[in-house]
Amino acid sequence: MKKYAQIVDERTKKCNVGLGTNTEFYEEIGMVEMDVEQAYNGDWYVEGYAPVQPAPTKEEQSQKRADAYQLEVDPITSHISRLRDEENPDEDKIAELIEERAEKVAEIQEKYPYPVGE
């Protein structure tokens, strides 16, 4: 996208970008209109030079999975336990929840895959 920008690092092509509409000011401080893109980390670069976000490590994915299990799977497990503690447990409901839990686990594993080759 075209924006007023000024390259601040010739090696990486990182830029300062004018995000407003004051073109006179941008030109005054040495910015020129050029094609730029915003990187995953929010920094701006000349188009084609923005770094690609690195793939998550196995440790990062493990932590994301653990967080997701705690948030999405553990409440279902607790519900199953409470139902089993009842004098006359609703086995159909328990089976339904076990299936729901298995689906959640599969979703989480798909959403946060481990890197190949580690």
N, C-alpha and C. Protein backbone atom coordinates (compact mmCIF):
# COMPACT_ATOMS: atom_id res chain seq x y z
N MET A 1 0.84 -1.17 0.00
CA MET A 1 0.00 0.00 0.00
C MET A 1 0.88 1.24 0.00
N LYS A 2 0.44 2.24 -0.64
CA LYS A 2 1.21 3.49 -0.72
C LYS A 2 0.99 4.31 0.55
N LYS A 3 2.11 4.70 1.14
CA LYS A 3 2.09 5.56 2.34
C LYS A 3 3.33 6.44 2.28
N TYR A 4 3.27 7.55 2.98
CA TYR A 4 4.47 8.35 3.14
C TYR A 4 5.36 7.64 4.15
N ALA A 5 6.61 7.40 3.77
CA ALA A 5 7.50 6.63 4.63
C ALA A 5 8.94 7.08 4.44
N GLN A 6 9.76 6.68 5.39
CA GLN A 6 11.19 6.97 5.36
C GLN A 6 11.91 5.73 5.86
N ILE A 7 12.84 5.22 5.08
CA ILE A 7 13.60 4.04 5.47
C ILE A 7 14.55 4.41 6.60
N VAL A 8 14.49 3.63 7.70
CA VAL A 8 15.35 3.91 8.85
C VAL A 8 16.45 2.87 8.99
N ASP A 9 16.35 1.77 8.26
CA ASP A 9 17.38 0.73 8.28
C ASP A 9 17.52 0.18 6.87
N GLU A 10 18.60 0.58 6.19
CA GLU A 10 18.81 0.17 4.80
C GLU A 10 18.97 -1.33 4.65
N ARG A 11 19.52 -1.99 5.66
CA ARG A 11 19.75 -3.42 5.58
C ARG A 11 18.43 -4.19 5.59
N THR A 12 17.52 -3.84 6.51
CA THR A 12 16.26 -4.57 6.64
C THR A 12 15.11 -3.92 5.89
N LYS A 13 15.31 -2.67 5.47
CA LYS A 13 14.27 -1.87 4.79
C LYS A 13 13.11 -1.52 5.72
N LYS A 14 13.42 -1.43 7.02
CA LYS A 14 12.42 -1.00 8.00
C LYS A 14 12.16 0.48 7.82
N CYS A 15 10.90 0.90 8.01
CA CYS A 15 10.50 2.28 7.73
C CYS A 15 9.75 2.91 8.90
N ASN A 16 9.82 4.22 8.93
CA ASN A 16 8.87 5.02 9.70
C ASN A 16 7.79 5.40 8.70
N VAL A 17 6.54 5.33 9.11
CA VAL A 17 5.44 5.58 8.19
C VAL A 17 4.53 6.66 8.76
N GLY A 18 4.12 7.56 7.89
CA GLY A 18 3.14 8.58 8.28
C GLY A 18 1.74 8.01 8.10
N LEU A 19 1.02 7.89 9.20
CA LEU A 19 -0.29 7.25 9.15
C LEU A 19 -1.45 8.23 9.03
N GLY A 20 -1.16 9.50 9.11
CA GLY A 20 -2.22 10.50 9.01
C GLY A 20 -2.36 11.04 7.60
N THR A 21 -2.87 12.27 7.51
CA THR A 21 -3.11 12.88 6.20
C THR A 21 -2.29 14.14 5.98
N ASN A 22 -1.37 14.46 6.88
CA ASN A 22 -0.59 15.69 6.78
C ASN A 22 0.60 15.49 5.84
N THR A 23 0.34 15.41 4.55
CA THR A 23 1.39 15.11 3.57
C THR A 23 2.47 16.18 3.52
N GLU A 24 2.10 17.43 3.74
CA GLU A 24 3.11 18.51 3.75
C GLU A 24 4.14 18.26 4.84
N PHE A 25 3.69 17.91 6.01
CA PHE A 25 4.59 17.63 7.12
C PHE A 25 5.49 16.45 6.80
N TYR A 26 4.90 15.37 6.26
CA TYR A 26 5.68 14.18 5.94
C TYR A 26 6.79 14.51 4.93
N GLU A 27 6.44 15.29 3.93
CA GLU A 27 7.45 15.69 2.93
C GLU A 27 8.53 16.56 3.56
N GLU A 28 8.13 17.45 4.48
CA GLU A 28 9.06 18.32 5.17
C GLU A 28 10.12 17.54 5.94
N ILE A 29 9.71 16.42 6.53
CA ILE A 29 10.66 15.65 7.35
C ILE A 29 11.37 14.56 6.55
N GLY A 30 11.19 14.60 5.23
CA GLY A 30 11.95 13.70 4.37
C GLY A 30 11.26 12.42 3.95
N MET A 31 10.00 12.28 4.26
CA MET A 31 9.28 11.08 3.84
C MET A 31 8.88 11.21 2.38
N VAL A 32 8.82 10.08 1.71
CA VAL A 32 8.35 10.05 0.32
C VAL A 32 7.28 8.96 0.23
N GLU A 33 6.43 9.09 -0.76
CA GLU A 33 5.39 8.09 -0.94
C GLU A 33 6.01 6.84 -1.54
N MET A 34 5.75 5.70 -0.89
CA MET A 34 6.30 4.44 -1.38
C MET A 34 5.38 3.29 -0.96
N ASP A 35 5.59 2.14 -1.60
CA ASP A 35 4.82 0.94 -1.26
C ASP A 35 5.44 0.32 -0.01
N VAL A 36 4.62 0.18 1.02
CA VAL A 36 5.07 -0.40 2.28
C VAL A 36 4.09 -1.47 2.73
N GLU A 37 4.55 -2.30 3.68
CA GLU A 37 3.67 -3.30 4.27
C GLU A 37 4.00 -3.42 5.76
N GLN A 38 2.99 -3.81 6.52
CA GLN A 38 3.17 -3.96 7.96
C GLN A 38 3.46 -5.42 8.27
N ALA A 39 4.48 -5.64 9.08
CA ALA A 39 4.88 -7.00 9.46
C ALA A 39 4.00 -7.52 10.58
N TYR A 40 4.13 -8.80 10.89
CA TYR A 40 3.35 -9.46 11.94
C TYR A 40 3.52 -8.78 13.30
N ASN A 41 4.66 -8.13 13.51
CA ASN A 41 4.94 -7.51 14.81
C ASN A 41 4.53 -6.04 14.87
N GLY A 42 3.92 -5.53 13.78
CA GLY A 42 3.44 -4.16 13.76
C GLY A 42 4.40 -3.16 13.13
N ASP A 43 5.66 -3.55 12.90
CA ASP A 43 6.62 -2.66 12.26
C ASP A 43 6.33 -2.57 10.76
N TRP A 44 6.80 -1.47 10.15
CA TRP A 44 6.58 -1.23 8.73
C TRP A 44 7.86 -1.45 7.95
N TYR A 45 7.72 -1.97 6.73
CA TYR A 45 8.85 -2.26 5.86
C TYR A 45 8.48 -1.90 4.42
N VAL A 46 9.53 -1.65 3.62
CA VAL A 46 9.30 -1.51 2.18
C VAL A 46 8.64 -2.80 1.73
N GLU A 47 7.67 -2.68 0.83
CA GLU A 47 6.93 -3.86 0.38
C GLU A 47 7.88 -4.93 -0.12
N GLY A 48 7.66 -6.16 0.36
CA GLY A 48 8.49 -7.29 -0.02
C GLY A 48 9.60 -7.60 0.97
N TYR A 49 9.79 -6.76 1.97
CA TYR A 49 10.88 -6.96 2.94
C TYR A 49 10.40 -7.27 4.36
N ALA A 50 9.11 -7.30 4.59
CA ALA A 50 8.61 -7.57 5.94
C ALA A 50 8.97 -9.00 6.35
N PRO A 51 9.51 -9.17 7.56
CA PRO A 51 9.85 -10.52 8.01
C PRO A 51 8.59 -11.36 8.22
N VAL A 52 8.74 -12.66 8.00
CA VAL A 52 7.65 -13.61 8.19
C VAL A 52 7.67 -14.07 9.65
N GLN A 53 6.50 -14.20 10.22
CA GLN A 53 6.42 -14.66 11.60
C GLN A 53 6.99 -16.07 11.72
N PRO A 54 7.90 -16.27 12.65
CA PRO A 54 8.49 -17.61 12.79
C PRO A 54 7.44 -18.61 13.27
N ALA A 55 7.61 -19.85 12.86
CA ALA A 55 6.70 -20.92 13.30
C ALA A 55 6.86 -21.11 14.80
N PRO A 56 5.76 -21.40 15.50
CA PRO A 56 5.86 -21.61 16.94
C PRO A 56 6.68 -22.86 17.25
N THR A 57 7.37 -22.82 18.37
CA THR A 57 8.17 -23.97 18.81
C THR A 57 7.24 -25.00 19.45
N LYS A 58 7.78 -26.19 19.68
CA LYS A 58 7.01 -27.24 20.34
C LYS A 58 6.60 -26.79 21.74
N GLU A 59 7.51 -26.11 22.43
CA GLU A 59 7.21 -25.63 23.78
C GLU A 59 6.06 -24.61 23.76
N GLU A 60 6.10 -23.70 22.78
CA GLU A 60 5.03 -22.70 22.68
C GLU A 60 3.69 -23.38 22.38
N GLN A 61 3.69 -24.34 21.46
CA GLN A 61 2.46 -25.05 21.13
C GLN A 61 1.97 -25.85 22.34
N SER A 62 2.89 -26.47 23.09
CA SER A 62 2.50 -27.21 24.29
C SER A 62 1.80 -26.30 25.29
N GLN A 63 2.33 -25.10 25.45
CA GLN A 63 1.71 -24.16 26.39
C GLN A 63 0.34 -23.72 25.89
N LYS A 64 0.22 -23.46 24.58
CA LYS A 64 -1.08 -23.07 24.02
C LYS A 64 -2.09 -24.19 24.20
N ARG A 65 -1.65 -25.44 23.97
CA ARG A 65 -2.55 -26.57 24.16
C ARG A 65 -2.97 -26.68 25.62
N ALA A 66 -2.02 -26.55 26.53
CA ALA A 66 -2.33 -26.66 27.96
C ALA A 66 -3.34 -25.60 28.37
N ASP A 67 -3.15 -24.38 27.89
CA ASP A 67 -4.09 -23.29 28.20
C ASP A 67 -5.48 -23.60 27.65
N ALA A 68 -5.52 -24.10 26.41
CA ALA A 68 -6.81 -24.42 25.78
C ALA A 68 -7.49 -25.58 26.49
N TYR A 69 -6.72 -26.60 26.88
CA TYR A 69 -7.31 -27.73 27.62
C TYR A 69 -7.93 -27.23 28.92
N GLN A 70 -7.19 -26.38 29.62
CA GLN A 70 -7.69 -25.87 30.90
C GLN A 70 -8.98 -25.07 30.70
N LEU A 71 -9.01 -24.27 29.67
CA LEU A 71 -10.17 -23.40 29.42
C LEU A 71 -11.36 -24.16 28.85
N GLU A 72 -11.12 -25.12 27.94
CA GLU A 72 -12.21 -25.74 27.20
C GLU A 72 -12.51 -27.19 27.59
N VAL A 73 -11.51 -27.95 27.99
CA VAL A 73 -11.70 -29.38 28.26
C VAL A 73 -11.97 -29.64 29.75
N ASP A 74 -11.21 -28.99 30.61
CA ASP A 74 -11.37 -29.24 32.05
C ASP A 74 -12.79 -29.00 32.57
N PRO A 75 -13.49 -27.95 32.11
CA PRO A 75 -14.87 -27.78 32.59
C PRO A 75 -15.78 -28.96 32.21
N ILE A 76 -15.55 -29.53 31.03
CA ILE A 76 -16.36 -30.69 30.62
C ILE A 76 -16.03 -31.89 31.51
N THR A 77 -14.74 -32.08 31.79
CA THR A 77 -14.32 -33.17 32.66
C THR A 77 -14.93 -33.01 34.06
N SER A 78 -14.95 -31.80 34.56
CA SER A 78 -15.55 -31.54 35.88
C SER A 78 -17.05 -31.86 35.87
N HIS A 79 -17.71 -31.48 34.78
CA HIS A 79 -19.14 -31.75 34.66
C HIS A 79 -19.39 -33.26 34.65
N ILE A 80 -18.57 -34.01 33.92
CA ILE A 80 -18.68 -35.48 33.89
C ILE A 80 -18.51 -36.03 35.30
N SER A 81 -17.50 -35.55 36.02
CA SER A 81 -17.24 -36.03 37.39
C SER A 81 -18.42 -35.76 38.31
N ARG A 82 -19.00 -34.56 38.20
CA ARG A 82 -20.15 -34.23 39.05
C ARG A 82 -21.33 -35.14 38.74
N LEU A 83 -21.55 -35.41 37.45
CA LEU A 83 -22.66 -36.30 37.09
C LEU A 83 -22.43 -37.71 37.62
N ARG A 84 -21.20 -38.18 37.55
CA ARG A 84 -20.88 -39.54 38.03
C ARG A 84 -21.02 -39.64 39.55
N ASP A 85 -20.88 -38.52 40.25
CA ASP A 85 -21.00 -38.52 41.71
C ASP A 85 -22.45 -38.61 42.18
N GLU A 86 -23.39 -38.38 41.27
CA GLU A 86 -24.81 -38.43 41.65
C GLU A 86 -25.23 -39.87 41.96
N GLU A 87 -26.28 -39.98 42.75
CA GLU A 87 -26.76 -41.31 43.14
C GLU A 87 -27.21 -42.12 41.92
N ASN A 88 -27.91 -41.48 41.00
CA ASN A 88 -28.35 -42.13 39.76
C ASN A 88 -27.80 -41.33 38.57
N PRO A 89 -26.54 -41.59 38.20
CA PRO A 89 -25.93 -40.80 37.12
C PRO A 89 -26.65 -40.98 35.78
N ASP A 90 -26.75 -39.89 35.05
CA ASP A 90 -27.37 -39.90 33.72
C ASP A 90 -26.30 -40.35 32.72
N GLU A 91 -26.28 -41.65 32.46
CA GLU A 91 -25.24 -42.23 31.61
C GLU A 91 -25.28 -41.69 30.18
N ASP A 92 -26.48 -41.39 29.68
CA ASP A 92 -26.58 -40.82 28.33
C ASP A 92 -25.92 -39.45 28.27
N LYS A 93 -26.17 -38.63 29.28
CA LYS A 93 -25.57 -37.30 29.34
C LYS A 93 -24.05 -37.41 29.49
N ILE A 94 -23.60 -38.34 30.31
CA ILE A 94 -22.16 -38.54 30.50
C ILE A 94 -21.51 -38.96 29.19
N ALA A 95 -22.13 -39.87 28.46
CA ALA A 95 -21.59 -40.32 27.17
C ALA A 95 -21.54 -39.16 26.17
N GLU A 96 -22.56 -38.32 26.20
CA GLU A 96 -22.61 -37.13 25.34
C GLU A 96 -21.45 -36.19 25.66
N LEU A 97 -21.22 -35.96 26.94
CA LEU A 97 -20.14 -35.07 27.37
C LEU A 97 -18.76 -35.65 27.04
N ILE A 98 -18.62 -36.97 27.17
CA ILE A 98 -17.34 -37.61 26.83
C ILE A 98 -17.05 -37.41 25.34
N GLU A 99 -18.08 -37.54 24.52
CA GLU A 99 -17.91 -37.32 23.08
C GLU A 99 -17.55 -35.86 22.79
N GLU A 100 -18.24 -34.94 23.46
CA GLU A 100 -17.96 -33.51 23.30
C GLU A 100 -16.51 -33.20 23.70
N ARG A 101 -16.08 -33.81 24.80
CA ARG A 101 -14.71 -33.59 25.28
C ARG A 101 -13.69 -34.11 24.26
N ALA A 102 -13.94 -35.28 23.70
CA ALA A 102 -13.03 -35.84 22.69
C ALA A 102 -12.95 -34.94 21.46
N GLU A 103 -14.08 -34.37 21.06
CA GLU A 103 -14.09 -33.44 19.92
C GLU A 103 -13.28 -32.19 20.23
N LYS A 104 -13.42 -31.67 21.46
CA LYS A 104 -12.65 -30.48 21.88
C LYS A 104 -11.15 -30.77 21.84
N VAL A 105 -10.76 -31.93 22.35
CA VAL A 105 -9.34 -32.30 22.36
C VAL A 105 -8.83 -32.35 20.92
N ALA A 106 -9.59 -32.96 20.02
CA ALA A 106 -9.18 -33.04 18.62
C ALA A 106 -9.08 -31.65 17.99
N GLU A 107 -10.02 -30.77 18.30
CA GLU A 107 -9.98 -29.38 17.78
C GLU A 107 -8.72 -28.66 18.25
N ILE A 108 -8.41 -28.81 19.53
CA ILE A 108 -7.24 -28.15 20.10
C ILE A 108 -5.96 -28.68 19.46
N GLN A 109 -5.88 -29.98 19.28
CA GLN A 109 -4.69 -30.57 18.66
C GLN A 109 -4.54 -30.10 17.22
N GLU A 110 -5.65 -29.91 16.53
CA GLU A 110 -5.60 -29.41 15.15
C GLU A 110 -5.23 -27.93 15.12
N LYS A 111 -5.75 -27.17 16.06
CA LYS A 111 -5.48 -25.73 16.11
C LYS A 111 -4.04 -25.43 16.50
N TYR A 112 -3.45 -26.27 17.35
CA TYR A 112 -2.09 -26.06 17.84
C TYR A 112 -1.23 -27.29 17.52
N PRO A 113 -0.93 -27.51 16.25
CA PRO A 113 -0.13 -28.69 15.89
C PRO A 113 1.32 -28.52 16.33
N TYR A 114 1.94 -29.64 16.62
CA TYR A 114 3.36 -29.60 16.95
C TYR A 114 4.16 -29.47 15.66
N PRO A 115 5.29 -28.74 15.71
CA PRO A 115 6.13 -28.60 14.52
C PRO A 115 6.62 -29.96 14.04
N VAL A 116 6.70 -30.12 12.75
CA VAL A 116 7.19 -31.36 12.15
C VAL A 116 8.70 -31.39 12.25
N GLY A 117 9.25 -32.52 12.63
CA GLY A 117 10.70 -32.67 12.68
C GLY A 117 11.35 -32.32 14.00
N GLU A 118 10.56 -32.00 15.02
CA GLU A 118 11.15 -31.69 16.34
C GLU A 118 10.98 -32.86 17.26
